[in-house]
Amino acid sequence: LPSRDSSMLLKYSLCKVGNIIMRPSCATGWFYYRFNCYGYFRKLRNWSDAELECQSYGNGAHLASILNLKEASVIAEYISGYQRTQPVWIGLHDPQKVTPDMARKCLLKKPGR
C-alpha cells in the first residue's frame, strides 16, 4: 500500500501527563493510572495537531505512549467509555510510514475483544 501523509488522517487523541503523585492532581475528566493522567479528546485532528493540543495542557503533556499490555488494557477500557470503534492517536508515530492499514491497527483494543 502506498504511504499516506499523516496530516490527512484525522483521529481522536489520548494525552498523557506523567509523574503525578496523587490522583487528585489529574484535571477534571482525566483518568489516573500508575502515576500518570490520561485525557481522551473527541475532536478529530491529525497527529501533529493532536500532539500540539496535548502540549497545550502543560505539565509535560504529550500524546500517550503505552508501554505494556496491562497499561494498554486499562486505557482501552477507559476509552471504551467514550467510543469503541474509531482509531485514537497515541505517541507512536512515523510520518514517513503511515498507511490506511496502520491507522486501523492503532485503535486500542482490550485483549479478547
PDB file of N, CA and C in Angstrom:
ATOM      1  N   LEU A   1       0.833  -1.196   0.000  1.00  0.00           N
ATOM      2  CA  LEU A   1       0.000   0.000   0.000  1.00  0.00           C
ATOM      3  C   LEU A   1       0.870   1.249   0.000  1.00  0.00           C
ATOM      4  N   PRO A   2       0.502   2.265  -0.706  1.00  0.00           N
ATOM      5  CA  PRO A   2       1.297   3.490  -0.730  1.00  0.00           C
ATOM      6  C   PRO A   2       1.191   4.236   0.592  1.00  0.00           C
ATOM      7  N   SER A   3       2.248   4.964   0.927  1.00  0.00           N
ATOM      8  CA  SER A   3       2.228   5.773   2.146  1.00  0.00           C
ATOM      9  C   SER A   3       1.250   6.920   1.983  1.00  0.00           C
ATOM     10  N   ARG A   4       0.651   7.316   3.107  1.00  0.00           N
ATOM     11  CA  ARG A   4      -0.251   8.469   3.094  1.00  0.00           C
ATOM     12  C   ARG A   4       0.293   9.513   4.040  1.00  0.00           C
ATOM     13  N   ASP A   5       0.088  10.730   3.700  1.00  0.00           N
ATOM     14  CA  ASP A   5       0.506  11.837   4.542  1.00  0.00           C
ATOM     15  C   ASP A   5      -0.333  11.814   5.814  1.00  0.00           C
ATOM     16  N   SER A   6       0.330  11.727   6.985  1.00  0.00           N
ATOM     17  CA  SER A   6      -0.407  11.638   8.245  1.00  0.00           C
ATOM     18  C   SER A   6      -1.199  12.897   8.537  1.00  0.00           C
ATOM     19  N   SER A   7      -0.904  13.986   7.854  1.00  0.00           N
ATOM     20  CA  SER A   7      -1.679  15.201   8.082  1.00  0.00           C
ATOM     21  C   SER A   7      -3.091  15.065   7.529  1.00  0.00           C
ATOM     22  N   MET A   8      -3.324  14.042   6.702  1.00  0.00           N
ATOM     23  CA  MET A   8      -4.646  13.824   6.121  1.00  0.00           C
ATOM     24  C   MET A   8      -5.502  12.883   6.968  1.00  0.00           C
ATOM     25  N   LEU A   9      -4.871  12.107   7.863  1.00  0.00           N
ATOM     26  CA  LEU A   9      -5.613  11.174   8.704  1.00  0.00           C
ATOM     27  C   LEU A   9      -6.099  11.899   9.948  1.00  0.00           C
ATOM     28  N   LEU A  10      -7.401  11.872  10.190  1.00  0.00           N
ATOM     29  CA  LEU A  10      -7.971  12.523  11.359  1.00  0.00           C
ATOM     30  C   LEU A  10      -8.448  11.465  12.335  1.00  0.00           C
ATOM     31  N   LYS A  11      -8.038  11.616  13.596  1.00  0.00           N
ATOM     32  CA  LYS A  11      -8.418  10.671  14.644  1.00  0.00           C
ATOM     33  C   LYS A  11      -8.651  11.431  15.940  1.00  0.00           C
ATOM     34  N   TYR A  12      -9.243  10.727  16.901  1.00  0.00           N
ATOM     35  CA  TYR A  12      -9.358  11.243  18.248  1.00  0.00           C
ATOM     36  C   TYR A  12      -7.987  11.112  18.898  1.00  0.00           C
ATOM     37  N   SER A  13      -7.779  11.703  20.085  1.00  0.00           N
ATOM     38  CA  SER A  13      -6.446  11.646  20.675  1.00  0.00           C
ATOM     39  C   SER A  13      -6.484  11.311  22.153  1.00  0.00           C
ATOM     40  N   LEU A  14      -5.367  10.755  22.623  1.00  0.00           N
ATOM     41  CA  LEU A  14      -5.188  10.391  24.023  1.00  0.00           C
ATOM     42  C   LEU A  14      -3.924  11.066  24.519  1.00  0.00           C
ATOM     43  N   CYS A  15      -4.069  11.999  25.461  1.00  0.00           N
ATOM     44  CA  CYS A  15      -2.930  12.716  26.026  1.00  0.00           C
ATOM     45  C   CYS A  15      -2.514  12.079  27.340  1.00  0.00           C
ATOM     46  N   LYS A  16      -1.252  12.268  27.689  1.00  0.00           N
ATOM     47  CA  LYS A  16      -0.717  11.700  28.921  1.00  0.00           C
ATOM     48  C   LYS A  16       0.171  12.730  29.606  1.00  0.00           C
ATOM     49  N   VAL A  17      -0.027  12.886  30.916  1.00  0.00           N
ATOM     50  CA  VAL A  17       0.844  13.689  31.760  1.00  0.00           C
ATOM     51  C   VAL A  17       1.443  12.733  32.769  1.00  0.00           C
ATOM     52  N   GLY A  18       2.761  12.693  32.896  1.00  0.00           N
ATOM     53  CA  GLY A  18       3.412  11.727  33.772  1.00  0.00           C
ATOM     54  C   GLY A  18       3.850  12.301  35.103  1.00  0.00           C
ATOM     55  N   ASN A  19       4.291  11.384  35.980  1.00  0.00           N
ATOM     56  CA  ASN A  19       4.850  11.705  37.290  1.00  0.00           C
ATOM     57  C   ASN A  19       3.876  12.427  38.210  1.00  0.00           C
ATOM     58  N   ILE A  20       2.640  11.966  38.232  1.00  0.00           N
ATOM     59  CA  ILE A  20       1.622  12.516  39.126  1.00  0.00           C
ATOM     60  C   ILE A  20       1.654  11.686  40.407  1.00  0.00           C
ATOM     61  N   ILE A  21       1.807  12.336  41.542  1.00  0.00           N
ATOM     62  CA  ILE A  21       1.936  11.606  42.800  1.00  0.00           C
ATOM     63  C   ILE A  21       0.581  11.221  43.371  1.00  0.00           C
ATOM     64  N   MET A  22      -0.412  12.089  43.261  1.00  0.00           N
ATOM     65  CA  MET A  22      -1.717  11.817  43.860  1.00  0.00           C
ATOM     66  C   MET A  22      -2.815  11.944  42.819  1.00  0.00           C
ATOM     67  N   ARG A  23      -3.824  11.101  42.923  1.00  0.00           N
ATOM     68  CA  ARG A  23      -4.948  11.125  41.986  1.00  0.00           C
ATOM     69  C   ARG A  23      -5.611  12.491  41.859  1.00  0.00           C
ATOM     70  N   PRO A  24      -5.825  13.204  42.964  1.00  0.00           N
ATOM     71  CA  PRO A  24      -6.499  14.496  42.818  1.00  0.00           C
ATOM     72  C   PRO A  24      -5.742  15.479  41.929  1.00  0.00           C
ATOM     73  N   SER A  25      -4.494  15.162  41.575  1.00  0.00           N
ATOM     74  CA  SER A  25      -3.710  16.053  40.725  1.00  0.00           C
ATOM     75  C   SER A  25      -4.168  16.050  39.275  1.00  0.00           C
ATOM     76  N   CYS A  26      -4.958  15.059  38.876  1.00  0.00           N
ATOM     77  CA  CYS A  26      -5.439  14.997  37.489  1.00  0.00           C
ATOM     78  C   CYS A  26      -6.559  16.014  37.277  1.00  0.00           C
ATOM     79  N   ALA A  27      -6.558  16.616  36.102  1.00  0.00           N
ATOM     80  CA  ALA A  27      -7.615  17.571  35.756  1.00  0.00           C
ATOM     81  C   ALA A  27      -8.961  16.850  35.666  1.00  0.00           C
ATOM     82  N   THR A  28     -10.028  17.585  35.833  1.00  0.00           N
ATOM     83  CA  THR A  28     -11.373  17.028  35.722  1.00  0.00           C
ATOM     84  C   THR A  28     -11.548  16.356  34.363  1.00  0.00           C
ATOM     85  N   GLY A  29     -12.059  15.133  34.378  1.00  0.00           N
ATOM     86  CA  GLY A  29     -12.285  14.386  33.147  1.00  0.00           C
ATOM     87  C   GLY A  29     -11.101  13.541  32.713  1.00  0.00           C
ATOM     88  N   TRP A  30      -9.959  13.712  33.371  1.00  0.00           N
ATOM     89  CA  TRP A  30      -8.787  12.907  33.054  1.00  0.00           C
ATOM     90  C   TRP A  30      -8.788  11.657  33.931  1.00  0.00           C
ATOM     91  N   PHE A  31      -8.103  10.614  33.491  1.00  0.00           N
ATOM     92  CA  PHE A  31      -8.059   9.316  34.156  1.00  0.00           C
ATOM     93  C   PHE A  31      -6.669   9.102  34.754  1.00  0.00           C
ATOM     94  N   TYR A  32      -6.620   8.673  36.021  1.00  0.00           N
ATOM     95  CA  TYR A  32      -5.349   8.404  36.698  1.00  0.00           C
ATOM     96  C   TYR A  32      -5.012   6.921  36.615  1.00  0.00           C
ATOM     97  N   TYR A  33      -3.783   6.615  36.226  1.00  0.00           N
ATOM     98  CA  TYR A  33      -3.296   5.233  36.246  1.00  0.00           C
ATOM     99  C   TYR A  33      -1.784   5.243  36.422  1.00  0.00           C
ATOM    100  N   ARG A  34      -1.309   4.633  37.485  1.00  0.00           N
ATOM    101  CA  ARG A  34       0.123   4.443  37.756  1.00  0.00           C
ATOM    102  C   ARG A  34       0.952   5.714  37.543  1.00  0.00           C
ATOM    103  N   PHE A  35       0.636   6.720  38.303  1.00  0.00           N
ATOM    104  CA  PHE A  35       1.389   7.974  38.320  1.00  0.00           C
ATOM    105  C   PHE A  35       1.285   8.799  37.037  1.00  0.00           C
ATOM    106  N   ASN A  36       0.277   8.522  36.229  1.00  0.00           N
ATOM    107  CA  ASN A  36       0.044   9.282  35.002  1.00  0.00           C
ATOM    108  C   ASN A  36      -1.419   9.674  34.911  1.00  0.00           C
ATOM    109  N   CYS A  37      -1.682  10.795  34.279  1.00  0.00           N
ATOM    110  CA  CYS A  37      -3.048  11.214  33.969  1.00  0.00           C
ATOM    111  C   CYS A  37      -3.243  11.098  32.462  1.00  0.00           C
ATOM    112  N   TYR A  38      -4.389  10.547  32.066  1.00  0.00           N
ATOM    113  CA  TYR A  38      -4.714  10.372  30.651  1.00  0.00           C
ATOM    114  C   TYR A  38      -5.987  11.145  30.346  1.00  0.00           C
ATOM    115  N   GLY A  39      -5.970  11.890  29.265  1.00  0.00           N
ATOM    116  CA  GLY A  39      -7.152  12.615  28.817  1.00  0.00           C
ATOM    117  C   GLY A  39      -7.510  12.192  27.405  1.00  0.00           C
ATOM    118  N   TYR A  40      -8.769  11.831  27.210  1.00  0.00           N
ATOM    119  CA  TYR A  40      -9.257  11.428  25.889  1.00  0.00           C
ATOM    120  C   TYR A  40     -10.021  12.599  25.295  1.00  0.00           C
ATOM    121  N   PHE A  41      -9.733  12.921  24.022  1.00  0.00           N
ATOM    122  CA  PHE A  41     -10.343  14.081  23.388  1.00  0.00           C
ATOM    123  C   PHE A  41     -11.070  13.677  22.125  1.00  0.00           C
ATOM    124  N   ARG A  42     -12.352  14.047  22.060  1.00  0.00           N
ATOM    125  CA  ARG A  42     -13.227  13.639  20.955  1.00  0.00           C
ATOM    126  C   ARG A  42     -13.280  14.668  19.835  1.00  0.00           C
ATOM    127  N   LYS A  43     -12.195  15.323  19.581  1.00  0.00           N
ATOM    128  CA  LYS A  43     -12.118  16.254  18.459  1.00  0.00           C
ATOM    129  C   LYS A  43     -11.165  15.643  17.436  1.00  0.00           C
ATOM    130  N   LEU A  44     -11.630  15.467  16.206  1.00  0.00           N
ATOM    131  CA  LEU A  44     -10.794  14.855  15.176  1.00  0.00           C
ATOM    132  C   LEU A  44      -9.656  15.796  14.785  1.00  0.00           C
ATOM    133  N   ARG A  45      -8.441  15.260  14.811  1.00  0.00           N
ATOM    134  CA  ARG A  45      -7.246  16.039  14.479  1.00  0.00           C
ATOM    135  C   ARG A  45      -6.253  15.139  13.763  1.00  0.00           C
ATOM    136  N   ASN A  46      -5.314  15.760  13.027  1.00  0.00           N
ATOM    137  CA  ASN A  46      -4.205  14.967  12.512  1.00  0.00           C
ATOM    138  C   ASN A  46      -3.206  14.781  13.663  1.00  0.00           C
ATOM    139  N   TRP A  47      -2.185  13.929  13.456  1.00  0.00           N
ATOM    140  CA  TRP A  47      -1.261  13.601  14.550  1.00  0.00           C
ATOM    141  C   TRP A  47      -0.577  14.849  15.096  1.00  0.00           C
ATOM    142  N   SER A  48      -0.075  15.700  14.234  1.00  0.00           N
ATOM    143  CA  SER A  48       0.660  16.892  14.674  1.00  0.00           C
ATOM    144  C   SER A  48      -0.219  17.825  15.501  1.00  0.00           C
ATOM    145  N   ASP A  49      -1.442  18.053  15.055  1.00  0.00           N
ATOM    146  CA  ASP A  49      -2.352  18.925  15.803  1.00  0.00           C
ATOM    147  C   ASP A  49      -2.764  18.289  17.125  1.00  0.00           C
ATOM    148  N   ALA A  50      -2.933  16.962  17.138  1.00  0.00           N
ATOM    149  CA  ALA A  50      -3.268  16.265  18.384  1.00  0.00           C
ATOM    150  C   ALA A  50      -2.123  16.407  19.387  1.00  0.00           C
ATOM    151  N   GLU A  51      -0.891  16.261  18.925  1.00  0.00           N
ATOM    152  CA  GLU A  51       0.271  16.422  19.812  1.00  0.00           C
ATOM    153  C   GLU A  51       0.351  17.850  20.337  1.00  0.00           C
ATOM    154  N   LEU A  52       0.121  18.836  19.483  1.00  0.00           N
ATOM    155  CA  LEU A  52       0.134  20.234  19.931  1.00  0.00           C
ATOM    156  C   LEU A  52      -0.964  20.496  20.954  1.00  0.00           C
ATOM    157  N   GLU A  53      -2.146  19.909  20.735  1.00  0.00           N
ATOM    158  CA  GLU A  53      -3.222  20.080  21.714  1.00  0.00           C
ATOM    159  C   GLU A  53      -2.806  19.498  23.057  1.00  0.00           C
ATOM    160  N   CYS A  54      -2.219  18.313  23.043  1.00  0.00           N
ATOM    161  CA  CYS A  54      -1.760  17.712  24.300  1.00  0.00           C
ATOM    162  C   CYS A  54      -0.757  18.633  24.994  1.00  0.00           C
ATOM    163  N   GLN A  55       0.210  19.134  24.258  1.00  0.00           N
ATOM    164  CA  GLN A  55       1.224  20.009  24.841  1.00  0.00           C
ATOM    165  C   GLN A  55       0.613  21.270  25.429  1.00  0.00           C
ATOM    166  N   SER A  56      -0.510  21.719  24.878  1.00  0.00           N
ATOM    167  CA  SER A  56      -1.148  22.943  25.369  1.00  0.00           C
ATOM    168  C   SER A  56      -1.686  22.784  26.789  1.00  0.00           C
ATOM    169  N   TYR A  57      -1.837  21.548  27.255  1.00  0.00           N
ATOM    170  CA  TYR A  57      -2.312  21.318  28.619  1.00  0.00           C
ATOM    171  C   TYR A  57      -1.200  21.483  29.642  1.00  0.00           C
ATOM    172  N   GLY A  58       0.038  21.680  29.183  1.00  0.00           N
ATOM    173  CA  GLY A  58       1.158  21.940  30.085  1.00  0.00           C
ATOM    174  C   GLY A  58       1.586  20.712  30.870  1.00  0.00           C
ATOM    175  N   ASN A  59       2.429  20.936  31.861  1.00  0.00           N
ATOM    176  CA  ASN A  59       2.916  19.873  32.747  1.00  0.00           C
ATOM    177  C   ASN A  59       3.555  18.712  31.998  1.00  0.00           C
ATOM    178  N   GLY A  60       4.153  18.968  30.852  1.00  0.00           N
ATOM    179  CA  GLY A  60       4.820  17.905  30.098  1.00  0.00           C
ATOM    180  C   GLY A  60       3.885  16.969  29.362  1.00  0.00           C
ATOM    181  N   ALA A  61       2.666  17.407  29.084  1.00  0.00           N
ATOM    182  CA  ALA A  61       1.692  16.541  28.402  1.00  0.00           C
ATOM    183  C   ALA A  61       2.095  16.305  26.950  1.00  0.00           C
ATOM    184  N   HIS A  62       1.888  15.071  26.501  1.00  0.00           N
ATOM    185  CA  HIS A  62       2.124  14.656  25.119  1.00  0.00           C
ATOM    186  C   HIS A  62       1.092  13.599  24.771  1.00  0.00           C
ATOM    187  N   LEU A  63       1.017  13.231  23.497  1.00  0.00           N
ATOM    188  CA  LEU A  63       0.219  12.062  23.146  1.00  0.00           C
ATOM    189  C   LEU A  63       0.757  10.882  23.943  1.00  0.00           C
ATOM    190  N   ALA A  64      -0.130  10.027  24.378  1.00  0.00           N
ATOM    191  CA  ALA A  64       0.248   8.937  25.279  1.00  0.00           C
ATOM    192  C   ALA A  64       1.173   7.934  24.611  1.00  0.00           C
ATOM    193  N   SER A  65       2.164   7.500  25.372  1.00  0.00           N
ATOM    194  CA  SER A  65       2.972   6.351  24.976  1.00  0.00           C
ATOM    195  C   SER A  65       2.531   5.209  25.886  1.00  0.00           C
ATOM    196  N   ILE A  66       2.202   4.100  25.303  1.00  0.00           N
ATOM    197  CA  ILE A  66       1.681   2.958  26.051  1.00  0.00           C
ATOM    198  C   ILE A  66       2.756   1.889  26.042  1.00  0.00           C
ATOM    199  N   LEU A  67       3.234   1.540  27.235  1.00  0.00           N
ATOM    200  CA  LEU A  67       4.456   0.760  27.338  1.00  0.00           C
ATOM    201  C   LEU A  67       4.280  -0.730  27.571  1.00  0.00           C
ATOM    202  N   ASN A  68       3.081  -1.168  27.941  1.00  0.00           N
ATOM    203  CA  ASN A  68       2.906  -2.602  28.169  1.00  0.00           C
ATOM    204  C   ASN A  68       1.436  -2.988  27.989  1.00  0.00           C
ATOM    205  N   LEU A  69       1.200  -4.290  27.951  1.00  0.00           N
ATOM    206  CA  LEU A  69      -0.143  -4.813  27.694  1.00  0.00           C
ATOM    207  C   LEU A  69      -1.133  -4.431  28.791  1.00  0.00           C
ATOM    208  N   LYS A  70      -0.705  -4.438  30.053  1.00  0.00           N
ATOM    209  CA  LYS A  70      -1.600  -4.076  31.155  1.00  0.00           C
ATOM    210  C   LYS A  70      -2.052  -2.621  31.015  1.00  0.00           C
ATOM    211  N   GLU A  71      -1.100  -1.736  30.741  1.00  0.00           N
ATOM    212  CA  GLU A  71      -1.441  -0.328  30.544  1.00  0.00           C
ATOM    213  C   GLU A  71      -2.386  -0.171  29.352  1.00  0.00           C
ATOM    214  N   ALA A  72      -2.113  -0.883  28.265  1.00  0.00           N
ATOM    215  CA  ALA A  72      -2.978  -0.825  27.078  1.00  0.00           C
ATOM    216  C   ALA A  72      -4.389  -1.281  27.413  1.00  0.00           C
ATOM    217  N   SER A  73      -4.505  -2.338  28.209  1.00  0.00           N
ATOM    218  CA  SER A  73      -5.811  -2.870  28.577  1.00  0.00           C
ATOM    219  C   SER A  73      -6.605  -1.870  29.420  1.00  0.00           C
ATOM    220  N   VAL A  74      -5.948  -1.281  30.411  1.00  0.00           N
ATOM    221  CA  VAL A  74      -6.617  -0.310  31.285  1.00  0.00           C
ATOM    222  C   VAL A  74      -7.059   0.915  30.482  1.00  0.00           C
ATOM    223  N   ILE A  75      -6.192   1.403  29.616  1.00  0.00           N
ATOM    224  CA  ILE A  75      -6.515   2.594  28.829  1.00  0.00           C
ATOM    225  C   ILE A  75      -7.594   2.292  27.791  1.00  0.00           C
ATOM    226  N   ALA A  76      -7.545   1.108  27.196  1.00  0.00           N
ATOM    227  CA  ALA A  76      -8.591   0.724  26.240  1.00  0.00           C
ATOM    228  C   ALA A  76      -9.953   0.691  26.926  1.00  0.00           C
ATOM    229  N   GLU A  77      -9.986   0.215  28.157  1.00  0.00           N
ATOM    230  CA  GLU A  77     -11.242   0.201  28.920  1.00  0.00           C
ATOM    231  C   GLU A  77     -11.731   1.632  29.159  1.00  0.00           C
ATOM    232  N   TYR A  78     -10.808   2.526  29.500  1.00  0.00           N
ATOM    233  CA  TYR A  78     -11.143   3.943  29.699  1.00  0.00           C
ATOM    234  C   TYR A  78     -11.718   4.546  28.412  1.00  0.00           C
ATOM    235  N   ILE A  79     -11.046   4.334  27.289  1.00  0.00           N
ATOM    236  CA  ILE A  79     -11.509   4.888  26.012  1.00  0.00           C
ATOM    237  C   ILE A  79     -12.856   4.300  25.617  1.00  0.00           C
ATOM    238  N   SER A  80     -13.081   3.022  25.922  1.00  0.00           N
ATOM    239  CA  SER A  80     -14.343   2.388  25.536  1.00  0.00           C
ATOM    240  C   SER A  80     -15.535   3.025  26.241  1.00  0.00           C
ATOM    241  N   GLY A  81     -15.298   3.776  27.303  1.00  0.00           N
ATOM    242  CA  GLY A  81     -16.364   4.537  27.939  1.00  0.00           C
ATOM    243  C   GLY A  81     -16.838   5.687  27.064  1.00  0.00           C
ATOM    244  N   TYR A  82     -16.027   6.076  26.098  1.00  0.00           N
ATOM    245  CA  TYR A  82     -16.363   7.150  25.164  1.00  0.00           C
ATOM    246  C   TYR A  82     -16.782   6.613  23.801  1.00  0.00           C
ATOM    247  N   GLN A  83     -16.047   5.618  23.313  1.00  0.00           N
ATOM    248  CA  GLN A  83     -16.329   5.037  21.999  1.00  0.00           C
ATOM    249  C   GLN A  83     -15.542   3.744  21.871  1.00  0.00           C
ATOM    250  N   ARG A  84     -15.961   2.900  20.934  1.00  0.00           N
ATOM    251  CA  ARG A  84     -15.329   1.584  20.795  1.00  0.00           C
ATOM    252  C   ARG A  84     -14.831   1.260  19.390  1.00  0.00           C
ATOM    253  N   THR A  85     -15.022   2.127  18.429  1.00  0.00           N
ATOM    254  CA  THR A  85     -14.729   1.717  17.057  1.00  0.00           C
ATOM    255  C   THR A  85     -13.741   2.594  16.298  1.00  0.00           C
ATOM    256  N   GLN A  86     -13.478   3.794  16.758  1.00  0.00           N
ATOM    257  CA  GLN A  86     -12.649   4.724  15.987  1.00  0.00           C
ATOM    258  C   GLN A  86     -11.192   4.695  16.444  1.00  0.00           C
ATOM    259  N   PRO A  87     -10.248   4.872  15.516  1.00  0.00           N
ATOM    260  CA  PRO A  87      -8.829   4.925  15.877  1.00  0.00           C
ATOM    261  C   PRO A  87      -8.529   6.127  16.771  1.00  0.00           C
ATOM    262  N   VAL A  88      -7.489   5.991  17.576  1.00  0.00           N
ATOM    263  CA  VAL A  88      -7.088   7.030  18.518  1.00  0.00           C
ATOM    264  C   VAL A  88      -5.586   7.271  18.353  1.00  0.00           C
ATOM    265  N   TRP A  89      -5.179   8.535  18.241  1.00  0.00           N
ATOM    266  CA  TRP A  89      -3.758   8.848  18.163  1.00  0.00           C
ATOM    267  C   TRP A  89      -3.095   8.610  19.503  1.00  0.00           C
ATOM    268  N   ILE A  90      -1.933   7.963  19.471  1.00  0.00           N
ATOM    269  CA  ILE A  90      -1.060   7.868  20.631  1.00  0.00           C
ATOM    270  C   ILE A  90       0.300   8.392  20.182  1.00  0.00           C
ATOM    271  N   GLY A  91       1.294   8.340  21.050  1.00  0.00           N
ATOM    272  CA  GLY A  91       2.591   8.943  20.749  1.00  0.00           C
ATOM    273  C   GLY A  91       3.390   8.274  19.647  1.00  0.00           C
ATOM    274  N   LEU A  92       3.216   6.970  19.433  1.00  0.00           N
ATOM    275  CA  LEU A  92       3.969   6.259  18.405  1.00  0.00           C
ATOM    276  C   LEU A  92       3.594   6.799  17.037  1.00  0.00           C
ATOM    277  N   HIS A  93       4.590   7.268  16.289  1.00  0.00           N
ATOM    278  CA  HIS A  93       4.262   7.913  15.016  1.00  0.00           C
ATOM    279  C   HIS A  93       5.496   8.000  14.138  1.00  0.00           C
ATOM    280  N   ASP A  94       5.369   7.586  12.906  1.00  0.00           N
ATOM    281  CA  ASP A  94       6.409   7.754  11.891  1.00  0.00           C
ATOM    282  C   ASP A  94       5.735   8.373  10.677  1.00  0.00           C
ATOM    283  N   PRO A  95       5.887   9.687  10.484  1.00  0.00           N
ATOM    284  CA  PRO A  95       5.165  10.358   9.400  1.00  0.00           C
ATOM    285  C   PRO A  95       5.518   9.836   8.012  1.00  0.00           C
ATOM    286  N   GLN A  96       6.628   9.138   7.864  1.00  0.00           N
ATOM    287  CA  GLN A  96       7.018   8.601   6.566  1.00  0.00           C
ATOM    288  C   GLN A  96       6.376   7.252   6.275  1.00  0.00           C
ATOM    289  N   LYS A  97       5.785   6.615   7.290  1.00  0.00           N
ATOM    290  CA  LYS A  97       5.264   5.260   7.107  1.00  0.00           C
ATOM    291  C   LYS A  97       3.846   5.107   7.632  1.00  0.00           C
ATOM    292  N   VAL A  98       2.959   5.981   7.294  1.00  0.00           N
ATOM    293  CA  VAL A  98       1.564   5.873   7.709  1.00  0.00           C
ATOM    294  C   VAL A  98       0.758   5.350   6.529  1.00  0.00           C
ATOM    295  N   THR A  99       0.098   4.221   6.745  1.00  0.00           N
ATOM    296  CA  THR A  99      -0.754   3.638   5.714  1.00  0.00           C
ATOM    297  C   THR A  99      -2.155   3.475   6.283  1.00  0.00           C
ATOM    298  N   PRO A 100      -3.159   3.291   5.455  1.00  0.00           N
ATOM    299  CA  PRO A 100      -4.513   3.061   5.978  1.00  0.00           C
ATOM    300  C   PRO A 100      -4.563   1.852   6.908  1.00  0.00           C
ATOM    301  N   ASP A 101      -3.803   0.790   6.592  1.00  0.00           N
ATOM    302  CA  ASP A 101      -3.786  -0.395   7.442  1.00  0.00           C
ATOM    303  C   ASP A 101      -3.203  -0.073   8.813  1.00  0.00           C
ATOM    304  N   MET A 102      -2.138   0.715   8.859  1.00  0.00           N
ATOM    305  CA  MET A 102      -1.547   1.100  10.135  1.00  0.00           C
ATOM    306  C   MET A 102      -2.531   1.921  10.951  1.00  0.00           C
ATOM    307  N   ALA A 103      -3.283   2.776  10.299  1.00  0.00           N
ATOM    308  CA  ALA A 103      -4.254   3.600  11.012  1.00  0.00           C
ATOM    309  C   ALA A 103      -5.268   2.721  11.728  1.00  0.00           C
ATOM    310  N   ARG A 104      -5.693   1.641  11.087  1.00  0.00           N
ATOM    311  CA  ARG A 104      -6.642   0.730  11.732  1.00  0.00           C
ATOM    312  C   ARG A 104      -5.990   0.014  12.909  1.00  0.00           C
ATOM    313  N   LYS A 105      -4.734  -0.353  12.799  1.00  0.00           N
ATOM    314  CA  LYS A 105      -4.046  -1.089  13.859  1.00  0.00           C
ATOM    315  C   LYS A 105      -3.767  -0.230  15.079  1.00  0.00           C
ATOM    316  N   CYS A 106      -3.801   1.091  14.937  1.00  0.00           N
ATOM    317  CA  CYS A 106      -3.538   1.972  16.068  1.00  0.00           C
ATOM    318  C   CYS A 106      -4.709   2.040  17.037  1.00  0.00           C
ATOM    319  N   LEU A 107      -5.851   1.513  16.651  1.00  0.00           N
ATOM    320  CA  LEU A 107      -7.008   1.502  17.538  1.00  0.00           C
ATOM    321  C   LEU A 107      -6.699   0.602  18.721  1.00  0.00           C
ATOM    322  N   LEU A 108      -6.810   1.139  19.910  1.00  0.00           N
ATOM    323  CA  LEU A 108      -6.559   0.341  21.106  1.00  0.00           C
ATOM    324  C   LEU A 108      -7.738  -0.584  21.346  1.00  0.00           C
ATOM    325  N   LYS A 109      -7.449  -1.843  21.516  1.00  0.00           N
ATOM    326  CA  LYS A 109      -8.499  -2.807  21.814  1.00  0.00           C
ATOM    327  C   LYS A 109      -8.139  -3.553  23.077  1.00  0.00           C
ATOM    328  N   LYS A 110      -9.122  -3.808  23.904  1.00  0.00           N
ATOM    329  CA  LYS A 110      -8.894  -4.632  25.074  1.00  0.00           C
ATOM    330  C   LYS A 110      -8.670  -6.055  24.587  1.00  0.00           C
ATOM    331  N   PRO A 111      -7.620  -6.736  25.073  1.00  0.00           N
ATOM    332  CA  PRO A 111      -7.382  -8.109  24.639  1.00  0.00           C
ATOM    333  C   PRO A 111      -8.629  -8.966  24.812  1.00  0.00           C
ATOM    334  N   GLY A 112      -8.909  -9.796  23.826  1.00  0.00           N
ATOM    335  CA  GLY A 112     -10.069 -10.676  23.895  1.00  0.00           C
ATOM    336  C   GLY A 112     -11.317 -10.086  23.283  1.00  0.00           C
ATOM    337  N   ARG A 113     -11.274  -8.840  22.809  1.00  0.00           N
ATOM    338  CA  ARG A 113     -12.454  -8.210  22.190  1.00  0.00           C
ATOM    339  C   ARG A 113     -12.382  -8.285  20.708  1.00  0.00           C
TER     340      ARG A 113
END
